[in-house]
């Protein structure tokens, strides 16, 4: 079994040192059958900005938040082309314990992660969106911040996705919901996933780790946090 650890990133975070911070902390602790790759979109760069490391992949998508669903679609295409069996999509500010992810049992499912409301196959009759207002009949979806794992066949569906929302995890959920609700694909929200396997908005005091999001990145702080918080 081969799994791609697909870190959704951008050129700004690459240049700020976030990739190096991940490489030196949780990114280095995955087993040999898991490949950590950083995905960035199109941008206009000069000189060193155009020099990528071997684990940095540029895909055909604009490098901004609104176009993140397109970036995820292109990541899915790349994963399929490279022959991966599973893909874990996470953010550059996701904090992961590799051995817990690998032991989580994701390989028995097509869509695996922290679902935003009760059940992974639930149809929400009225979804409250902070930007767009109420949206009717929304399939429940797994958080992109904590990260979600897709099987190859689920990844194939996402590789053909036409985004229906500015949020990539929402869009992914709408593609896969019709399959998981009928049993054509299997989805799961394990009890020990968020805040055990992976974190988002992770702060000292609440957990043993700090992988800052809203206060901005500090690569040195991230490295020290990982060293102190190792289980």
C-alpha atoms as a PDB file:
ATOM      1  CA  UNK A   1       0.000   0.000   0.000  1.00  0.00           C
ATOM      2  CA  UNK A   2       1.299   3.425  -1.001  1.00  0.00           C
ATOM      3  CA  UNK A   3      -0.084   6.605   0.503  1.00  0.00           C
ATOM      4  CA  UNK A   4       0.500  10.169  -0.602  1.00  0.00           C
ATOM      5  CA  UNK A   5       0.621  12.780   2.164  1.00  0.00           C
ATOM      6  CA  UNK A   6      -0.571  15.746   0.108  1.00  0.00           C
ATOM      7  CA  UNK A   7       0.127  19.026   1.888  1.00  0.00           C
ATOM      8  CA  UNK A   8      -1.949  21.846   0.374  1.00  0.00           C
ATOM      9  CA  UNK A   9       0.368  24.814   0.385  1.00  0.00           C
ATOM     10  CA  UNK A  10       1.172  27.986  -1.557  1.00  0.00           C
ATOM     11  CA  UNK A  11       4.254  29.872  -2.653  1.00  0.00           C
ATOM     12  CA  UNK A  12       4.005  32.323   0.270  1.00  0.00           C
ATOM     13  CA  UNK A  13       4.191  29.513   2.834  1.00  0.00           C
ATOM     14  CA  UNK A  14       6.946  27.754   0.889  1.00  0.00           C
ATOM     15  CA  UNK A  15       9.106  30.868   0.997  1.00  0.00           C
ATOM     16  CA  UNK A  16       8.324  31.524   4.671  1.00  0.00           C
ATOM     17  CA  UNK A  17       9.907  28.214   5.713  1.00  0.00           C
ATOM     18  CA  UNK A  18       6.799  26.189   6.489  1.00  0.00           C
ATOM     19  CA  UNK A  19       7.830  23.307   4.240  1.00  0.00           C
ATOM     20  CA  UNK A  20      11.176  23.053   5.989  1.00  0.00           C
ATOM     21  CA  UNK A  21       9.466  23.103   9.389  1.00  0.00           C
ATOM     22  CA  UNK A  22       7.273  20.151   8.364  1.00  0.00           C
ATOM     23  CA  UNK A  23      10.220  18.293   6.835  1.00  0.00           C
ATOM     24  CA  UNK A  24      12.130  18.609  10.102  1.00  0.00           C
ATOM     25  CA  UNK A  25       9.212  17.584  12.325  1.00  0.00           C
ATOM     26  CA  UNK A  26       6.241  15.357  11.529  1.00  0.00           C
ATOM     27  CA  UNK A  27       7.077  15.040   7.838  1.00  0.00           C
ATOM     28  CA  UNK A  28      10.224  13.013   8.522  1.00  0.00           C
ATOM     29  CA  UNK A  29       8.479  10.406  10.684  1.00  0.00           C
ATOM     30  CA  UNK A  30       6.339   8.671   8.055  1.00  0.00           C
ATOM     31  CA  UNK A  31       7.293   5.129   6.978  1.00  0.00           C
ATOM     32  CA  UNK A  32       8.792   4.399   3.580  1.00  0.00           C
ATOM     33  CA  UNK A  33       5.436   3.636   1.915  1.00  0.00           C
ATOM     34  CA  UNK A  34       4.162   7.171   2.634  1.00  0.00           C
ATOM     35  CA  UNK A  35       5.449  10.088   0.579  1.00  0.00           C
ATOM     36  CA  UNK A  36       5.103  13.667   1.838  1.00  0.00           C
ATOM     37  CA  UNK A  37       4.670  16.160  -0.992  1.00  0.00           C
ATOM     38  CA  UNK A  38       3.935  19.889  -0.930  1.00  0.00           C
ATOM     39  CA  UNK A  39       1.588  21.243  -3.584  1.00  0.00           C
ATOM     40  CA  UNK A  40       1.588  24.830  -4.726  1.00  0.00           C
ATOM     41  CA  UNK A  41      -0.227  26.579  -7.559  1.00  0.00           C
ATOM     42  CA  UNK A  42       0.705  28.927 -10.359  1.00  0.00           C
ATOM     43  CA  UNK A  43       2.430  32.190  -9.502  1.00  0.00           C
ATOM     44  CA  UNK A  44       4.741  34.704 -11.112  1.00  0.00           C
ATOM     45  CA  UNK A  45       8.196  34.309  -9.605  1.00  0.00           C
ATOM     46  CA  UNK A  46      11.753  35.303 -10.382  1.00  0.00           C
ATOM     47  CA  UNK A  47      15.118  33.801  -9.576  1.00  0.00           C
ATOM     48  CA  UNK A  48      15.146  31.472  -6.580  1.00  0.00           C
ATOM     49  CA  UNK A  49      11.365  31.556  -6.309  1.00  0.00           C
ATOM     50  CA  UNK A  50      11.240  29.235  -9.314  1.00  0.00           C
ATOM     51  CA  UNK A  51      13.626  26.654  -7.858  1.00  0.00           C
ATOM     52  CA  UNK A  52      11.665  23.805  -6.285  1.00  0.00           C
ATOM     53  CA  UNK A  53      12.844  20.940  -4.123  1.00  0.00           C
ATOM     54  CA  UNK A  54      12.090  17.350  -5.133  1.00  0.00           C
ATOM     55  CA  UNK A  55       9.098  17.104  -2.799  1.00  0.00           C
ATOM     56  CA  UNK A  56       7.471  20.322  -4.074  1.00  0.00           C
ATOM     57  CA  UNK A  57       4.948  19.948  -6.872  1.00  0.00           C
ATOM     58  CA  UNK A  58       3.467  22.815  -8.843  1.00  0.00           C
ATOM     59  CA  UNK A  59      -0.027  22.150 -10.185  1.00  0.00           C
ATOM     60  CA  UNK A  60      -2.201  24.001 -12.666  1.00  0.00           C
ATOM     61  CA  UNK A  61      -4.306  26.108 -10.316  1.00  0.00           C
ATOM     62  CA  UNK A  62      -4.217  29.679  -9.119  1.00  0.00           C
ATOM     63  CA  UNK A  63      -2.296  29.951  -5.860  1.00  0.00           C
ATOM     64  CA  UNK A  64      -5.026  31.447  -3.686  1.00  0.00           C
ATOM     65  CA  UNK A  65      -7.677  30.269  -1.237  1.00  0.00           C
ATOM     66  CA  UNK A  66     -10.657  30.662  -3.562  1.00  0.00           C
ATOM     67  CA  UNK A  67      -9.069  28.325  -6.100  1.00  0.00           C
ATOM     68  CA  UNK A  68      -8.110  25.681  -3.537  1.00  0.00           C
ATOM     69  CA  UNK A  69     -10.819  23.273  -4.831  1.00  0.00           C
ATOM     70  CA  UNK A  70      -9.112  23.405  -8.245  1.00  0.00           C
ATOM     71  CA  UNK A  71      -5.762  22.755  -6.585  1.00  0.00           C
ATOM     72  CA  UNK A  72      -7.201  19.722  -4.795  1.00  0.00           C
ATOM     73  CA  UNK A  73      -8.580  18.407  -8.083  1.00  0.00           C
ATOM     74  CA  UNK A  74      -5.114  18.739  -9.657  1.00  0.00           C
ATOM     75  CA  UNK A  75      -3.491  17.042  -6.649  1.00  0.00           C
ATOM     76  CA  UNK A  76      -5.933  14.164  -7.094  1.00  0.00           C
ATOM     77  CA  UNK A  77      -4.957  13.857 -10.760  1.00  0.00           C
ATOM     78  CA  UNK A  78      -1.271  13.777  -9.791  1.00  0.00           C
ATOM     79  CA  UNK A  79      -1.897  11.122  -7.146  1.00  0.00           C
ATOM     80  CA  UNK A  80      -3.681   8.873  -9.636  1.00  0.00           C
ATOM     81  CA  UNK A  81      -0.959   9.348 -12.249  1.00  0.00           C
ATOM     82  CA  UNK A  82       1.693   8.391  -9.692  1.00  0.00           C
ATOM     83  CA  UNK A  83      -0.159   5.209  -8.707  1.00  0.00           C
ATOM     84  CA  UNK A  84      -0.979   5.882  -5.047  1.00  0.00           C
ATOM     85  CA  UNK A  85      -3.536   3.685  -3.296  1.00  0.00           C
ATOM     86  CA  UNK A  86      -4.588   6.368  -0.800  1.00  0.00           C
ATOM     87  CA  UNK A  87      -4.160  10.119  -0.467  1.00  0.00           C
ATOM     88  CA  UNK A  88      -4.216  12.090   2.773  1.00  0.00           C
ATOM     89  CA  UNK A  89      -5.129  15.691   1.988  1.00  0.00           C
ATOM     90  CA  UNK A  90      -4.073  18.125   4.716  1.00  0.00           C
ATOM     91  CA  UNK A  91      -3.202  21.800   5.083  1.00  0.00           C
ATOM     92  CA  UNK A  92       0.237  23.303   5.571  1.00  0.00           C
ATOM     93  CA  UNK A  93      -0.915  24.217   9.107  1.00  0.00           C
ATOM     94  CA  UNK A  94      -2.174  20.722   9.953  1.00  0.00           C
ATOM     95  CA  UNK A  95      -0.296  18.949  12.748  1.00  0.00           C
ATOM     96  CA  UNK A  96      -0.023  15.158  12.337  1.00  0.00           C
ATOM     97  CA  UNK A  97       1.280  12.235  14.363  1.00  0.00           C
ATOM     98  CA  UNK A  98       2.402   9.924  11.513  1.00  0.00           C
ATOM     99  CA  UNK A  99       2.332   6.632  13.399  1.00  0.00           C
ATOM    100  CA  UNK A 100      -1.215   7.318  14.571  1.00  0.00           C
ATOM    101  CA  UNK A 101      -2.397   8.142  11.070  1.00  0.00           C
ATOM    102  CA  UNK A 102      -0.846   4.973   9.683  1.00  0.00           C
ATOM    103  CA  UNK A 103      -2.503   2.891  12.430  1.00  0.00           C
ATOM    104  CA  UNK A 104      -5.912   4.588  12.165  1.00  0.00           C
ATOM    105  CA  UNK A 105      -7.514   1.984   9.891  1.00  0.00           C
ATOM    106  CA  UNK A 106      -8.136   4.342   6.959  1.00  0.00           C
ATOM    107  CA  UNK A 107      -7.328   1.604   4.441  1.00  0.00           C
ATOM    108  CA  UNK A 108     -10.747  -0.011   5.049  1.00  0.00           C
ATOM    109  CA  UNK A 109     -12.571   3.087   3.779  1.00  0.00           C
ATOM    110  CA  UNK A 110     -12.896   5.359   0.773  1.00  0.00           C
ATOM    111  CA  UNK A 111     -13.485   8.614   2.696  1.00  0.00           C
ATOM    112  CA  UNK A 112     -11.996   8.905   6.174  1.00  0.00           C
ATOM    113  CA  UNK A 113     -11.636  11.849   8.541  1.00  0.00           C
ATOM    114  CA  UNK A 114     -13.334  14.267  10.905  1.00  0.00           C
ATOM    115  CA  UNK A 115     -16.782  14.935   9.531  1.00  0.00           C
ATOM    116  CA  UNK A 116     -18.196  18.333  10.339  1.00  0.00           C
ATOM    117  CA  UNK A 117     -21.516  17.116  11.740  1.00  0.00           C
ATOM    118  CA  UNK A 118     -22.894  13.869  13.130  1.00  0.00           C
ATOM    119  CA  UNK A 119     -22.606  11.114  10.532  1.00  0.00           C
ATOM    120  CA  UNK A 120     -20.404  10.794   7.468  1.00  0.00           C
ATOM    121  CA  UNK A 121     -23.400   9.974   5.242  1.00  0.00           C
ATOM    122  CA  UNK A 122     -25.766  12.617   6.597  1.00  0.00           C
ATOM    123  CA  UNK A 123     -27.665  14.965   4.278  1.00  0.00           C
ATOM    124  CA  UNK A 124     -27.983  18.366   5.948  1.00  0.00           C
ATOM    125  CA  UNK A 125     -31.269  19.960   4.899  1.00  0.00           C
ATOM    126  CA  UNK A 126     -30.107  23.502   5.645  1.00  0.00           C
ATOM    127  CA  UNK A 127     -26.401  24.244   5.921  1.00  0.00           C
ATOM    128  CA  UNK A 128     -25.419  27.595   7.418  1.00  0.00           C
ATOM    129  CA  UNK A 129     -22.557  29.143   5.443  1.00  0.00           C
ATOM    130  CA  UNK A 130     -20.897  32.217   6.913  1.00  0.00           C
ATOM    131  CA  UNK A 131     -20.364  33.828   3.508  1.00  0.00           C
ATOM    132  CA  UNK A 132     -23.184  32.523   1.363  1.00  0.00           C
ATOM    133  CA  UNK A 133     -26.009  32.141   3.879  1.00  0.00           C
ATOM    134  CA  UNK A 134     -28.182  29.022   4.074  1.00  0.00           C
ATOM    135  CA  UNK A 135     -27.493  26.285   1.503  1.00  0.00           C
ATOM    136  CA  UNK A 136     -30.093  23.495   1.141  1.00  0.00           C
ATOM    137  CA  UNK A 137     -29.365  19.761   0.963  1.00  0.00           C
ATOM    138  CA  UNK A 138     -25.659  19.553   1.690  1.00  0.00           C
ATOM    139  CA  UNK A 139     -23.813  16.289   2.135  1.00  0.00           C
ATOM    140  CA  UNK A 140     -21.770  16.175   5.307  1.00  0.00           C
ATOM    141  CA  UNK A 141     -18.045  16.480   4.624  1.00  0.00           C
ATOM    142  CA  UNK A 142     -14.674  15.862   6.287  1.00  0.00           C
ATOM    143  CA  UNK A 143     -12.550  18.771   7.522  1.00  0.00           C
ATOM    144  CA  UNK A 144      -9.720  19.802   5.258  1.00  0.00           C
ATOM    145  CA  UNK A 145      -7.922  21.417   8.180  1.00  0.00           C
ATOM    146  CA  UNK A 146      -7.642  18.201  10.170  1.00  0.00           C
ATOM    147  CA  UNK A 147      -7.240  16.326   6.907  1.00  0.00           C
ATOM    148  CA  UNK A 148      -9.007  13.424   5.238  1.00  0.00           C
ATOM    149  CA  UNK A 149      -7.902  10.221   3.530  1.00  0.00           C
ATOM    150  CA  UNK A 150      -9.347   9.121   0.192  1.00  0.00           C
ATOM    151  CA  UNK A 151      -9.009   5.741  -1.467  1.00  0.00           C
ATOM    152  CA  UNK A 152      -7.841   5.565  -5.049  1.00  0.00           C
ATOM    153  CA  UNK A 153     -11.374   5.259  -6.398  1.00  0.00           C
ATOM    154  CA  UNK A 154     -12.541   8.241  -4.329  1.00  0.00           C
ATOM    155  CA  UNK A 155      -9.491  10.186  -5.500  1.00  0.00           C
ATOM    156  CA  UNK A 156     -10.438   9.368  -9.082  1.00  0.00           C
ATOM    157  CA  UNK A 157     -13.830  11.005  -8.543  1.00  0.00           C
ATOM    158  CA  UNK A 158     -12.170  14.110  -7.110  1.00  0.00           C
ATOM    159  CA  UNK A 159      -9.787  14.249 -10.065  1.00  0.00           C
ATOM    160  CA  UNK A 160     -12.867  14.971 -12.201  1.00  0.00           C
ATOM    161  CA  UNK A 161     -14.492  17.358  -9.720  1.00  0.00           C
ATOM    162  CA  UNK A 162     -16.315  20.484 -10.792  1.00  0.00           C
ATOM    163  CA  UNK A 163     -16.165  22.615  -7.617  1.00  0.00           C
ATOM    164  CA  UNK A 164     -19.503  23.792  -6.237  1.00  0.00           C
ATOM    165  CA  UNK A 165     -18.142  25.928  -3.386  1.00  0.00           C
ATOM    166  CA  UNK A 166     -15.131  28.054  -2.471  1.00  0.00           C
ATOM    167  CA  UNK A 167     -14.155  25.576   0.301  1.00  0.00           C
ATOM    168  CA  UNK A 168     -12.327  22.527  -1.012  1.00  0.00           C
ATOM    169  CA  UNK A 169     -13.479  20.162   1.737  1.00  0.00           C
ATOM    170  CA  UNK A 170     -17.110  21.174   1.151  1.00  0.00           C
ATOM    171  CA  UNK A 171     -16.722  20.536  -2.581  1.00  0.00           C
ATOM    172  CA  UNK A 172     -15.108  17.144  -1.998  1.00  0.00           C
ATOM    173  CA  UNK A 173     -17.965  16.161   0.301  1.00  0.00           C
ATOM    174  CA  UNK A 174     -20.579  17.042  -2.317  1.00  0.00           C
ATOM    175  CA  UNK A 175     -18.873  14.831  -4.890  1.00  0.00           C
ATOM    176  CA  UNK A 176     -18.515  11.828  -2.576  1.00  0.00           C
ATOM    177  CA  UNK A 177     -21.773  12.148  -0.615  1.00  0.00           C
ATOM    178  CA  UNK A 178     -23.908  10.534  -3.289  1.00  0.00           C
ATOM    179  CA  UNK A 179     -21.598   7.505  -3.242  1.00  0.00           C
ATOM    180  CA  UNK A 180     -21.182   7.109   0.500  1.00  0.00           C
ATOM    181  CA  UNK A 181     -24.906   7.584   1.177  1.00  0.00           C
ATOM    182  CA  UNK A 182     -25.816   4.608  -1.029  1.00  0.00           C
ATOM    183  CA  UNK A 183     -23.008   2.396   0.228  1.00  0.00           C
ATOM    184  CA  UNK A 184     -21.191   2.501  -3.096  1.00  0.00           C
ATOM    185  CA  UNK A 185     -18.259   3.900  -1.105  1.00  0.00           C
ATOM    186  CA  UNK A 186     -17.475   3.534   2.575  1.00  0.00           C
ATOM    187  CA  UNK A 187     -16.983   6.561   4.808  1.00  0.00           C
ATOM    188  CA  UNK A 188     -15.934   6.771   8.457  1.00  0.00           C
ATOM    189  CA  UNK A 189     -15.362   9.309  11.220  1.00  0.00           C
ATOM    190  CA  UNK A 190     -13.278   7.390  13.794  1.00  0.00           C
ATOM    191  CA  UNK A 191     -13.487   8.474  17.407  1.00  0.00           C
ATOM    192  CA  UNK A 192      -9.759   9.030  17.732  1.00  0.00           C
ATOM    193  CA  UNK A 193      -8.951  11.153  14.722  1.00  0.00           C
ATOM    194  CA  UNK A 194      -9.137  14.894  15.367  1.00  0.00           C
ATOM    195  CA  UNK A 195      -6.973  15.970  18.300  1.00  0.00           C
ATOM    196  CA  UNK A 196      -5.345  12.548  18.415  1.00  0.00           C
ATOM    197  CA  UNK A 197      -4.189  11.703  14.888  1.00  0.00           C
ATOM    198  CA  UNK A 198      -4.233  15.280  13.587  1.00  0.00           C
ATOM    199  CA  UNK A 199      -4.931  18.814  14.789  1.00  0.00           C
ATOM    200  CA  UNK A 200      -5.940  22.159  13.342  1.00  0.00           C
ATOM    201  CA  UNK A 201      -5.903  25.514  15.158  1.00  0.00           C
ATOM    202  CA  UNK A 202      -3.577  23.739  17.552  1.00  0.00           C
ATOM    203  CA  UNK A 203      -2.421  25.792  20.543  1.00  0.00           C
ATOM    204  CA  UNK A 204      -0.406  25.250  23.717  1.00  0.00           C
ATOM    205  CA  UNK A 205      -2.547  24.746  26.793  1.00  0.00           C
ATOM    206  CA  UNK A 206      -5.237  22.909  24.885  1.00  0.00           C
ATOM    207  CA  UNK A 207      -2.918  20.146  23.671  1.00  0.00           C
ATOM    208  CA  UNK A 208       0.719  19.242  24.063  1.00  0.00           C
ATOM    209  CA  UNK A 209       1.466  20.787  20.706  1.00  0.00           C
ATOM    210  CA  UNK A 210       1.448  24.148  19.009  1.00  0.00           C
ATOM    211  CA  UNK A 211       1.070  24.409  15.243  1.00  0.00           C
ATOM    212  CA  UNK A 212      -0.199  27.970  14.895  1.00  0.00           C
ATOM    213  CA  UNK A 213      -2.779  29.033  12.359  1.00  0.00           C
ATOM    214  CA  UNK A 214      -4.519  32.282  13.127  1.00  0.00           C
ATOM    215  CA  UNK A 215      -1.452  33.932  14.676  1.00  0.00           C
ATOM    216  CA  UNK A 216       0.729  33.142  11.692  1.00  0.00           C
ATOM    217  CA  UNK A 217       3.628  30.754  11.182  1.00  0.00           C
ATOM    218  CA  UNK A 218       6.841  30.708  13.126  1.00  0.00           C
ATOM    219  CA  UNK A 219       8.989  27.821  11.810  1.00  0.00           C
ATOM    220  CA  UNK A 220      11.331  27.906  14.827  1.00  0.00           C
ATOM    221  CA  UNK A 221       8.366  27.724  17.194  1.00  0.00           C
ATOM    222  CA  UNK A 222       6.888  24.873  15.156  1.00  0.00           C
ATOM    223  CA  UNK A 223      10.068  22.817  15.419  1.00  0.00           C
ATOM    224  CA  UNK A 224      10.420  23.393  19.164  1.00  0.00           C
ATOM    225  CA  UNK A 225       6.772  22.572  19.701  1.00  0.00           C
ATOM    226  CA  UNK A 226       7.055  19.248  17.905  1.00  0.00           C
ATOM    227  CA  UNK A 227      10.131  18.264  19.898  1.00  0.00           C
ATOM    228  CA  UNK A 228       8.477  19.122  23.223  1.00  0.00           C
ATOM    229  CA  UNK A 229       5.147  17.554  22.386  1.00  0.00           C
ATOM    230  CA  UNK A 230       6.279  14.255  20.954  1.00  0.00           C
ATOM    231  CA  UNK A 231       4.226  11.394  22.485  1.00  0.00           C
END
